[in-house]
Amino acid sequence: MFKKNVGGIDRALRILVGAALIAGFALNQEGAYSWLYLIGIIPLVTGILGTCPAYSIFGFNTCPLKK
């Protein structure tokens, strides 16, 4: 489907940040701008899938090179 372009450390950080933002939304649903925490869905999904559309557009790749 999509070429993998997100490496191990990058994936772990994306999953961690995405989960933290979604947890922030769960803990603070009554806040005025709490819906902004839902932006955490993007790094969570890109970390789980291992591909990032923005990386593809700009030509970045954090996956290790295959030998």
Protein backbone atom coordinates (compact mmCIF):
# COMPACT_ATOMS: atom_id res chain seq x y z
CA MET A 1 0.00 0.00 0.00
CA PHE A 2 2.36 2.74 1.23
CA LYS A 3 6.12 2.52 1.40
CA LYS A 4 7.48 2.38 4.96
CA ASN A 5 9.34 5.60 5.69
CA VAL A 6 9.16 5.89 9.50
CA GLY A 7 11.96 4.21 11.47
CA GLY A 8 11.94 2.57 14.90
CA ILE A 9 12.68 5.50 17.22
CA ASP A 10 10.49 7.80 15.16
CA ARG A 11 7.62 5.28 15.32
CA ALA A 12 7.95 4.89 19.08
CA LEU A 13 7.93 8.65 19.63
CA ARG A 14 4.91 9.11 17.36
CA ILE A 15 2.96 6.42 19.18
CA LEU A 16 3.92 7.85 22.57
CA VAL A 17 3.01 11.44 21.66
CA GLY A 18 -0.22 10.40 19.94
CA ALA A 19 -1.33 8.29 22.90
CA ALA A 20 -0.45 11.10 25.32
CA LEU A 21 -2.51 13.63 23.37
CA ILE A 22 -5.51 11.31 23.18
CA ALA A 23 -5.19 10.62 26.92
CA GLY A 24 -5.11 14.39 27.46
CA PHE A 25 -8.38 14.65 25.58
CA ALA A 26 -9.91 11.87 27.68
CA LEU A 27 -8.87 13.60 30.90
CA ASN A 28 -9.90 17.11 29.83
CA GLN A 29 -13.01 16.85 27.67
CA GLU A 30 -14.66 19.92 29.17
CA GLY A 31 -11.91 22.37 28.22
CA ALA A 32 -12.52 25.09 25.66
CA TYR A 33 -9.99 23.76 23.15
CA SER A 34 -9.82 20.16 24.27
CA TRP A 35 -10.71 18.99 20.76
CA LEU A 36 -7.18 19.98 19.74
CA TYR A 37 -5.91 16.94 21.63
CA LEU A 38 -7.52 14.83 18.91
CA ILE A 39 -4.69 15.89 16.62
CA GLY A 40 -2.88 13.06 18.43
CA ILE A 41 -4.71 10.63 16.14
CA ILE A 42 -2.38 11.61 13.29
CA PRO A 43 0.96 10.70 14.92
CA LEU A 44 -0.60 7.62 16.49
CA VAL A 45 -1.82 6.25 13.16
CA THR A 46 1.36 7.14 11.27
CA GLY A 47 3.42 5.49 14.01
CA ILE A 48 1.34 2.32 13.95
CA LEU A 49 1.33 2.07 10.15
CA GLY A 50 5.00 3.05 9.76
CA THR A 51 4.31 5.45 6.94
CA CYS A 52 3.93 9.22 6.86
CA PRO A 53 2.41 11.04 3.89
CA ALA A 54 4.27 14.25 4.76
CA TYR A 55 7.58 12.36 4.71
CA SER A 56 6.68 11.04 1.24
CA ILE A 57 5.93 14.53 -0.06
CA PHE A 58 9.18 16.02 1.25
CA GLY A 59 11.35 12.95 0.54
CA PHE A 60 12.27 12.11 4.15
CA ASN A 61 12.92 8.57 5.29
CA THR A 62 13.92 7.52 8.82
CA CYS A 63 13.90 3.78 8.12
CA PRO A 64 17.30 2.11 8.21
CA LEU A 65 18.79 1.28 4.82
CA LYS A 66 18.49 -2.32 3.65
CA LYS A 67 21.78 -3.96 2.69
